[in-house]
Amino acid sequence: MSARQVILVLALGGSFALASCGTSHTPKRALTERERDSTLGKSVIPGAAGVTRALQVSDSAAAQAQRMDRSVSGQ
């Protein structure tokens, strides 16, 4: 083995050693269905505006139901 090959092997070995010492790989938090839908609604794909509108309608219905629950329970 020539000196050039030895240097190349050492350089590659050192590169692999440094690469394995990188930052810890913590698992990313999974997105909720709401977060995925919101991201989809902001995209430029066809129908994305419909997803955004559906989220708005859902929020409105949930807020109305909460108001009704409060009025029934006397809060």
Protein backbone atom coordinates (compact mmCIF):
# COMPACT_ATOMS: atom_id res chain seq x y z
CA MET A 1 0.00 0.00 0.00
CA SER A 2 1.43 3.35 -0.98
CA ALA A 3 1.70 6.36 1.30
CA ARG A 4 -1.04 8.09 -0.69
CA GLN A 5 -3.45 5.20 -0.08
CA VAL A 6 -2.63 5.15 3.64
CA ILE A 7 -3.36 8.87 3.90
CA LEU A 8 -6.64 8.42 2.03
CA VAL A 9 -7.72 5.56 4.32
CA LEU A 10 -6.84 7.59 7.42
CA ALA A 11 -8.67 10.64 6.09
CA LEU A 12 -11.80 8.60 5.36
CA GLY A 13 -11.63 6.90 8.75
CA GLY A 14 -11.27 10.25 10.48
CA SER A 15 -14.21 11.66 8.53
CA PHE A 16 -16.43 8.77 9.55
CA ALA A 17 -15.32 9.10 13.16
CA LEU A 18 -16.14 12.82 13.22
CA ALA A 19 -19.49 12.28 11.52
CA SER A 20 -20.53 9.75 14.16
CA CYS A 21 -19.81 12.28 16.92
CA GLY A 22 -22.51 14.68 15.70
CA THR A 23 -25.38 16.05 17.69
CA SER A 24 -27.81 13.67 19.31
CA HIS A 25 -30.71 12.61 17.16
CA THR A 26 -33.77 13.31 19.26
CA PRO A 27 -37.00 12.14 17.68
CA LYS A 28 -39.14 14.94 16.32
CA ARG A 29 -42.54 15.51 17.80
CA ALA A 30 -45.31 14.17 15.59
CA LEU A 31 -47.74 16.76 14.27
CA THR A 32 -51.34 16.62 15.34
CA GLU A 33 -54.06 16.22 12.74
CA ARG A 34 -54.95 19.90 13.22
CA GLU A 35 -51.34 20.99 12.59
CA ARG A 36 -51.09 18.81 9.47
CA ASP A 37 -54.37 20.20 8.13
CA SER A 38 -53.27 23.75 8.85
CA THR A 39 -50.00 23.20 6.99
CA LEU A 40 -51.87 21.64 4.10
CA GLY A 41 -54.27 24.59 4.01
CA LYS A 42 -51.36 27.02 3.62
CA SER A 43 -49.93 25.17 0.64
CA VAL A 44 -50.49 26.01 -3.01
CA ILE A 45 -51.98 22.68 -4.01
CA PRO A 46 -55.51 22.66 -5.45
CA GLY A 47 -58.18 22.48 -2.76
CA ALA A 48 -55.95 23.84 -0.01
CA ALA A 49 -58.25 26.82 0.54
CA GLY A 50 -61.09 24.38 1.21
CA VAL A 51 -59.08 22.80 4.02
CA THR A 52 -58.51 26.22 5.58
CA ARG A 53 -62.20 27.06 5.29
CA ALA A 54 -63.19 23.72 6.84
CA LEU A 55 -60.91 24.44 9.80
CA GLN A 56 -62.54 27.86 10.24
CA VAL A 57 -66.04 26.36 10.15
CA SER A 58 -64.98 23.69 12.65
CA ASP A 59 -63.57 26.33 15.00
CA SER A 60 -66.74 28.39 14.70
CA ALA A 61 -68.96 25.40 15.49
CA ALA A 62 -66.79 24.44 18.46
CA ALA A 63 -66.93 27.99 19.83
CA GLN A 64 -70.71 28.09 19.42
CA ALA A 65 -71.09 24.74 21.19
CA GLN A 66 -68.91 26.01 24.04
CA ARG A 67 -71.04 29.15 24.36
CA MET A 68 -74.19 27.03 24.46
CA ASP A 69 -72.69 24.75 27.11
CA ARG A 70 -71.83 27.75 29.25
CA SER A 71 -75.31 29.21 28.97
CA VAL A 72 -76.92 25.89 29.95
CA SER A 73 -74.61 25.34 32.90
CA GLY A 74 -75.09 28.94 34.09
CA GLN A 75 -71.48 30.08 33.88
